[in-house]
Every structure is written in structure tokens, then in C-alpha cells.
């Protein structure tokens, strides 16, 4: 993500501010807090928004892709919002991932039905 910003010639101060913002926000959305950001929840990614990204509940499959701005999910129809409710299940839905570090990293490159 930094390469296009750098190549487009953004000022060093702007790039630095972006790096700080992304660092803070990525830790925040992965924190085990119950924050949803209230009326700003459709503008800024919150821990609540990101929990639904990792949810295995049927309503959350293929939803909440935006890293920073949920407004993008709102625009593209991939936004799920369940105020006051949290996912019941988390994880990957479908064929289970193989066991082991190497097997999991090779998984996307293995033909379906093999491995």
C-alpha cells in the first residue's frame, strides 16, 4: 500500500502520518474491545466492524472487507452491521484449512480435491 503513495510523490510527512495512523488503527481493530464508534461506525473501521469481517455467521460471509473506511463496504454492498450484537462464530467457512504452517501456505496453490 505504501508503494503507490510513495510513487505518486506524497510528501514524507503525509506518508509518515499515514504509517502512524495505519499502525494505530490496525492494533485497535484487532483489540478485544467492544467499541463500535457509534454514528461514525460507517466511516471508520472499529473493533466491532472488524469482528464481523472475521465472523463465520451466515450474515457475515464475504462482508466487511475495507481495512480503514467501512464506507467502501457500504458503497459496494458488502457492509454488515449488527449494532449491539457480536458474531457467534469466527473462522473460515467451507473446506477446513490443512494442519501445519507449510501446508497452510501451500493450500491456495493446490488444485481443488487434492491435498
N, C-alpha and C. Protein backbone atom coordinates (compact mmCIF):
# COMPACT_ATOMS: atom_id res chain seq x y z
N UNK A 1 0.82 -1.19 0.00
CA UNK A 1 0.00 0.00 0.00
C UNK A 1 0.86 1.26 0.00
N UNK A 2 2.04 1.15 0.55
CA UNK A 2 2.90 2.33 0.59
C UNK A 2 3.54 2.65 -0.75
N UNK A 3 3.73 1.65 -1.60
CA UNK A 3 4.39 1.87 -2.87
C UNK A 3 3.66 2.90 -3.73
N UNK A 4 2.34 2.76 -3.96
CA UNK A 4 1.65 3.78 -4.76
C UNK A 4 1.74 5.17 -4.13
N UNK A 5 1.62 5.24 -2.82
CA UNK A 5 1.70 6.54 -2.13
C UNK A 5 3.07 7.17 -2.37
N UNK A 6 4.10 6.36 -2.27
CA UNK A 6 5.47 6.84 -2.49
C UNK A 6 5.67 7.26 -3.95
N UNK A 7 5.23 6.39 -4.88
CA UNK A 7 5.42 6.67 -6.30
C UNK A 7 4.62 7.88 -6.78
N UNK A 8 3.49 8.15 -6.14
CA UNK A 8 2.69 9.32 -6.52
C UNK A 8 3.28 10.62 -5.99
N UNK A 9 4.33 10.50 -5.19
CA UNK A 9 5.06 11.69 -4.76
C UNK A 9 4.50 12.40 -3.55
N UNK A 10 3.77 11.69 -2.71
CA UNK A 10 3.27 12.33 -1.49
C UNK A 10 4.43 12.79 -0.62
N UNK A 11 4.22 13.85 0.10
CA UNK A 11 5.25 14.39 0.98
C UNK A 11 5.61 13.36 2.06
N UNK A 12 6.84 13.41 2.49
CA UNK A 12 7.30 12.48 3.52
C UNK A 12 6.46 12.59 4.78
N UNK A 13 6.05 13.79 5.13
CA UNK A 13 5.22 13.97 6.34
C UNK A 13 3.86 13.29 6.18
N UNK A 14 3.29 13.33 4.98
CA UNK A 14 2.00 12.68 4.74
C UNK A 14 2.15 11.16 4.83
N UNK A 15 3.23 10.63 4.28
CA UNK A 15 3.49 9.19 4.34
C UNK A 15 3.70 8.77 5.79
N UNK A 16 4.46 9.56 6.52
CA UNK A 16 4.69 9.25 7.94
C UNK A 16 3.40 9.26 8.73
N UNK A 17 2.56 10.26 8.50
CA UNK A 17 1.27 10.33 9.20
C UNK A 17 0.41 9.12 8.86
N UNK A 18 0.42 8.70 7.60
CA UNK A 18 -0.34 7.53 7.18
C UNK A 18 0.15 6.27 7.89
N UNK A 19 1.46 6.11 7.97
CA UNK A 19 2.03 4.93 8.62
C UNK A 19 1.64 4.89 10.10
N UNK A 20 1.68 6.03 10.76
CA UNK A 20 1.28 6.09 12.17
C UNK A 20 -0.20 5.74 12.30
N UNK A 21 -1.04 6.34 11.46
CA UNK A 21 -2.49 6.08 11.51
C UNK A 21 -2.79 4.60 11.29
N UNK A 22 -2.18 3.99 10.28
CA UNK A 22 -2.42 2.58 9.97
C UNK A 22 -1.96 1.69 11.13
N UNK A 23 -0.82 2.02 11.72
CA UNK A 23 -0.33 1.24 12.86
C UNK A 23 -1.28 1.28 14.03
N UNK A 24 -1.75 2.46 14.37
CA UNK A 24 -2.69 2.60 15.49
C UNK A 24 -4.01 1.89 15.18
N UNK A 25 -4.53 2.13 13.99
CA UNK A 25 -5.83 1.54 13.67
C UNK A 25 -5.78 0.02 13.57
N UNK A 26 -4.70 -0.53 13.02
CA UNK A 26 -4.63 -1.99 12.90
C UNK A 26 -4.57 -2.66 14.27
N UNK A 27 -3.89 -2.03 15.21
CA UNK A 27 -3.89 -2.58 16.57
C UNK A 27 -5.27 -2.42 17.19
N UNK A 28 -5.87 -1.27 16.99
CA UNK A 28 -7.20 -1.01 17.57
C UNK A 28 -8.26 -1.98 17.06
N UNK A 29 -8.35 -2.18 15.74
CA UNK A 29 -9.41 -3.05 15.22
C UNK A 29 -9.22 -4.51 15.62
N UNK A 30 -7.99 -4.89 15.94
CA UNK A 30 -7.74 -6.26 16.39
C UNK A 30 -7.77 -6.39 17.92
N UNK A 31 -8.06 -5.30 18.59
CA UNK A 31 -8.12 -5.36 20.06
C UNK A 31 -9.42 -6.02 20.51
N UNK A 32 -9.39 -6.55 21.69
CA UNK A 32 -10.56 -7.23 22.23
C UNK A 32 -11.39 -6.23 23.03
N UNK A 33 -11.86 -5.21 22.32
CA UNK A 33 -12.70 -4.20 22.95
C UNK A 33 -14.09 -4.26 22.33
N UNK A 34 -15.03 -3.63 22.94
CA UNK A 34 -16.42 -3.63 22.47
C UNK A 34 -16.79 -2.30 21.82
N UNK A 35 -15.83 -1.62 21.22
CA UNK A 35 -16.08 -0.32 20.62
C UNK A 35 -16.69 -0.45 19.23
N UNK A 36 -17.70 0.38 18.95
CA UNK A 36 -18.30 0.36 17.62
C UNK A 36 -18.25 1.74 16.96
N UNK A 37 -17.83 2.77 17.69
CA UNK A 37 -17.70 4.15 17.21
C UNK A 37 -19.04 4.82 16.92
N UNK A 38 -20.14 4.26 17.40
CA UNK A 38 -21.45 4.89 17.29
C UNK A 38 -21.77 5.39 15.90
N UNK A 39 -22.12 6.68 15.77
CA UNK A 39 -22.52 7.20 14.45
C UNK A 39 -21.38 7.22 13.42
N UNK A 40 -20.14 7.08 13.86
CA UNK A 40 -19.02 7.05 12.92
C UNK A 40 -18.71 5.64 12.43
N UNK A 41 -19.51 4.65 12.85
CA UNK A 41 -19.21 3.25 12.54
C UNK A 41 -19.20 2.94 11.04
N UNK A 42 -19.89 3.74 10.23
CA UNK A 42 -19.90 3.50 8.78
C UNK A 42 -18.78 4.27 8.07
N UNK A 43 -18.01 5.04 8.85
CA UNK A 43 -16.94 5.83 8.26
C UNK A 43 -15.57 5.28 8.65
N UNK A 44 -15.38 4.94 9.92
CA UNK A 44 -14.09 4.45 10.41
C UNK A 44 -14.21 3.00 10.90
N UNK A 45 -13.26 2.18 10.49
CA UNK A 45 -13.27 0.78 10.94
C UNK A 45 -13.04 0.72 12.44
N UNK A 46 -13.88 -0.04 13.10
CA UNK A 46 -13.81 -0.20 14.55
C UNK A 46 -13.60 -1.67 14.88
N UNK A 47 -13.30 -1.98 16.14
CA UNK A 47 -13.20 -3.39 16.52
C UNK A 47 -14.49 -4.16 16.20
N UNK A 48 -15.65 -3.53 16.42
CA UNK A 48 -16.93 -4.19 16.12
C UNK A 48 -17.03 -4.53 14.64
N UNK A 49 -16.72 -3.58 13.78
CA UNK A 49 -16.74 -3.79 12.33
C UNK A 49 -15.82 -4.94 11.95
N UNK A 50 -14.62 -4.96 12.51
CA UNK A 50 -13.63 -5.96 12.14
C UNK A 50 -13.97 -7.34 12.68
N UNK A 51 -14.64 -7.40 13.81
CA UNK A 51 -15.10 -8.70 14.31
C UNK A 51 -16.00 -9.36 13.27
N UNK A 52 -16.88 -8.57 12.65
CA UNK A 52 -17.79 -9.13 11.65
C UNK A 52 -17.04 -9.54 10.39
N UNK A 53 -15.90 -8.96 10.13
CA UNK A 53 -15.07 -9.37 8.99
C UNK A 53 -14.56 -10.80 9.21
N UNK A 54 -14.26 -11.15 10.45
CA UNK A 54 -13.73 -12.48 10.78
C UNK A 54 -14.81 -13.48 11.17
N UNK A 55 -16.07 -13.06 11.15
CA UNK A 55 -17.16 -13.92 11.61
C UNK A 55 -17.47 -15.03 10.62
N UNK A 56 -17.92 -16.16 11.16
CA UNK A 56 -18.36 -17.29 10.34
C UNK A 56 -19.89 -17.39 10.34
N UNK A 57 -20.57 -16.42 10.92
CA UNK A 57 -22.03 -16.38 10.90
C UNK A 57 -22.49 -16.16 9.45
N UNK A 58 -23.60 -16.76 9.06
CA UNK A 58 -24.07 -16.69 7.68
C UNK A 58 -24.20 -15.26 7.16
N UNK A 59 -24.69 -14.35 7.99
CA UNK A 59 -24.88 -12.97 7.54
C UNK A 59 -23.58 -12.22 7.28
N UNK A 60 -22.46 -12.77 7.75
CA UNK A 60 -21.18 -12.06 7.65
C UNK A 60 -20.25 -12.62 6.58
N UNK A 61 -20.65 -13.68 5.91
CA UNK A 61 -19.77 -14.29 4.91
C UNK A 61 -19.55 -13.30 3.77
N UNK A 62 -18.30 -13.09 3.43
CA UNK A 62 -17.89 -12.17 2.36
C UNK A 62 -18.37 -10.74 2.61
N UNK A 63 -18.20 -10.27 3.82
CA UNK A 63 -18.61 -8.91 4.20
C UNK A 63 -17.47 -8.19 4.92
N UNK A 64 -17.58 -6.88 4.99
CA UNK A 64 -16.66 -6.01 5.73
C UNK A 64 -15.21 -6.20 5.31
N UNK A 65 -14.92 -5.89 4.06
CA UNK A 65 -13.58 -6.03 3.51
C UNK A 65 -12.68 -4.82 3.77
N UNK A 66 -13.26 -3.64 3.91
CA UNK A 66 -12.48 -2.41 4.00
C UNK A 66 -11.53 -2.44 5.20
N UNK A 67 -10.31 -2.02 4.95
CA UNK A 67 -9.32 -2.01 6.03
C UNK A 67 -9.50 -0.80 6.94
N UNK A 68 -9.87 0.34 6.37
CA UNK A 68 -9.94 1.58 7.16
C UNK A 68 -11.28 2.29 7.07
N UNK A 69 -11.94 2.22 5.92
CA UNK A 69 -13.14 3.01 5.68
C UNK A 69 -14.34 2.12 5.33
N UNK A 70 -15.16 1.76 6.31
CA UNK A 70 -16.33 0.93 6.05
C UNK A 70 -17.27 1.52 4.99
N UNK A 71 -17.14 2.82 4.76
CA UNK A 71 -17.96 3.47 3.74
C UNK A 71 -17.79 2.77 2.39
N UNK A 72 -16.61 2.22 2.13
CA UNK A 72 -16.40 1.47 0.88
C UNK A 72 -17.27 0.22 0.83
N UNK A 73 -17.41 -0.46 1.95
CA UNK A 73 -18.30 -1.63 2.01
C UNK A 73 -19.76 -1.20 1.86
N UNK A 74 -20.12 -0.07 2.44
CA UNK A 74 -21.48 0.46 2.28
C UNK A 74 -21.74 0.69 0.80
N UNK A 75 -20.82 1.33 0.11
CA UNK A 75 -20.98 1.65 -1.32
C UNK A 75 -21.07 0.41 -2.19
N UNK A 76 -20.31 -0.64 -1.86
CA UNK A 76 -20.28 -1.84 -2.69
C UNK A 76 -21.23 -2.94 -2.20
N UNK A 77 -22.02 -2.67 -1.19
CA UNK A 77 -23.00 -3.65 -0.72
C UNK A 77 -22.42 -4.81 0.06
N UNK A 78 -21.23 -4.63 0.62
CA UNK A 78 -20.61 -5.72 1.40
C UNK A 78 -20.51 -5.36 2.88
N UNK A 79 -21.28 -4.39 3.31
CA UNK A 79 -21.24 -3.94 4.70
C UNK A 79 -22.27 -4.71 5.51
N UNK A 80 -21.84 -5.22 6.65
CA UNK A 80 -22.77 -5.84 7.60
C UNK A 80 -22.63 -5.09 8.91
N UNK A 81 -23.77 -4.79 9.49
CA UNK A 81 -23.78 -4.03 10.74
C UNK A 81 -24.84 -4.64 11.65
N UNK A 82 -24.42 -5.06 12.78
CA UNK A 82 -25.34 -5.62 13.77
C UNK A 82 -25.09 -4.92 15.09
N UNK A 83 -25.59 -3.70 15.22
CA UNK A 83 -25.34 -2.93 16.45
C UNK A 83 -25.76 -3.69 17.71
N UNK A 84 -24.89 -3.67 18.69
CA UNK A 84 -25.20 -4.33 19.96
C UNK A 84 -25.07 -5.83 19.93
N UNK A 85 -24.79 -6.41 18.78
CA UNK A 85 -24.64 -7.86 18.64
C UNK A 85 -23.23 -8.18 18.17
N UNK A 86 -22.72 -9.30 18.58
CA UNK A 86 -21.38 -9.74 18.18
C UNK A 86 -21.49 -11.10 17.51
N UNK A 87 -20.55 -11.45 16.67
CA UNK A 87 -20.61 -12.75 15.99
C UNK A 87 -20.66 -13.90 16.99
N UNK A 88 -21.35 -14.95 16.58
CA UNK A 88 -21.41 -16.15 17.41
C UNK A 88 -20.25 -17.09 17.09
N UNK A 89 -19.79 -17.06 15.82
CA UNK A 89 -18.70 -17.95 15.40
C UNK A 89 -17.68 -17.15 14.59
N UNK A 90 -16.44 -17.60 14.65
CA UNK A 90 -15.35 -16.98 13.89
C UNK A 90 -14.64 -18.05 13.09
N UNK A 91 -13.96 -17.64 12.03
CA UNK A 91 -13.12 -18.57 11.29
C UNK A 91 -13.48 -18.67 9.83
N UNK A 92 -12.84 -19.63 9.19
CA UNK A 92 -13.01 -19.87 7.76
C UNK A 92 -14.20 -20.80 7.56
N UNK A 93 -15.03 -20.47 6.60
CA UNK A 93 -16.20 -21.29 6.30
C UNK A 93 -15.91 -22.11 5.04
N UNK A 94 -16.34 -23.34 5.04
CA UNK A 94 -16.10 -24.20 3.88
C UNK A 94 -15.11 -25.27 4.22
N UNK A 95 -14.32 -25.65 3.23
CA UNK A 95 -13.31 -26.69 3.42
C UNK A 95 -12.31 -26.24 4.48
N UNK A 96 -12.10 -27.06 5.51
CA UNK A 96 -11.16 -26.67 6.57
C UNK A 96 -9.73 -26.55 6.04
N UNK A 97 -8.97 -25.65 6.63
CA UNK A 97 -7.58 -25.49 6.26
C UNK A 97 -6.77 -26.68 6.75
N UNK A 98 -5.72 -27.03 6.03
CA UNK A 98 -4.88 -28.14 6.48
C UNK A 98 -4.11 -27.77 7.74
N UNK A 99 -3.63 -28.76 8.42
CA UNK A 99 -2.82 -28.55 9.62
C UNK A 99 -1.39 -28.22 9.23
N UNK A 100 -0.75 -27.38 10.00
CA UNK A 100 0.66 -27.09 9.80
C UNK A 100 0.93 -25.83 9.00
N UNK A 101 2.03 -25.18 9.34
CA UNK A 101 2.43 -23.91 8.75
C UNK A 101 2.64 -24.01 7.24
N UNK A 102 3.46 -24.96 6.80
CA UNK A 102 3.77 -25.10 5.39
C UNK A 102 2.54 -25.49 4.59
N UNK A 103 1.77 -26.43 5.08
CA UNK A 103 0.57 -26.88 4.37
C UNK A 103 -0.43 -25.73 4.19
N UNK A 104 -0.57 -24.87 5.19
CA UNK A 104 -1.49 -23.75 5.09
C UNK A 104 -1.01 -22.73 4.07
N UNK A 105 0.30 -22.54 3.95
CA UNK A 105 0.82 -21.59 2.98
C UNK A 105 0.78 -22.14 1.55
N UNK A 106 0.82 -23.44 1.39
CA UNK A 106 0.72 -24.04 0.07
C UNK A 106 -0.72 -24.25 -0.37
N UNK A 107 -1.65 -24.22 0.56
CA UNK A 107 -3.06 -24.50 0.31
C UNK A 107 -3.65 -23.75 -0.89
N UNK A 108 -3.43 -22.45 -1.05
CA UNK A 108 -4.03 -21.75 -2.21
C UNK A 108 -3.51 -22.24 -3.56
N UNK A 109 -2.38 -22.93 -3.56
CA UNK A 109 -1.76 -23.35 -4.81
C UNK A 109 -2.04 -24.82 -5.16
N UNK A 110 -2.77 -25.49 -4.29
CA UNK A 110 -3.08 -26.90 -4.51
C UNK A 110 -4.43 -26.99 -5.24
N UNK A 111 -4.49 -27.82 -6.26
CA UNK A 111 -5.73 -27.98 -7.04
C UNK A 111 -6.86 -28.47 -6.14
N UNK A 112 -8.10 -28.01 -6.38
CA UNK A 112 -9.24 -28.48 -5.57
C UNK A 112 -9.34 -30.01 -5.61
N UNK A 113 -9.66 -30.59 -4.48
CA UNK A 113 -9.79 -32.04 -4.38
C UNK A 113 -8.49 -32.76 -4.08
N UNK A 114 -7.38 -32.02 -4.13
CA UNK A 114 -6.08 -32.60 -3.80
C UNK A 114 -5.58 -32.01 -2.50
N UNK A 115 -4.81 -32.74 -1.78
CA UNK A 115 -4.20 -32.23 -0.56
C UNK A 115 -5.11 -32.36 0.56
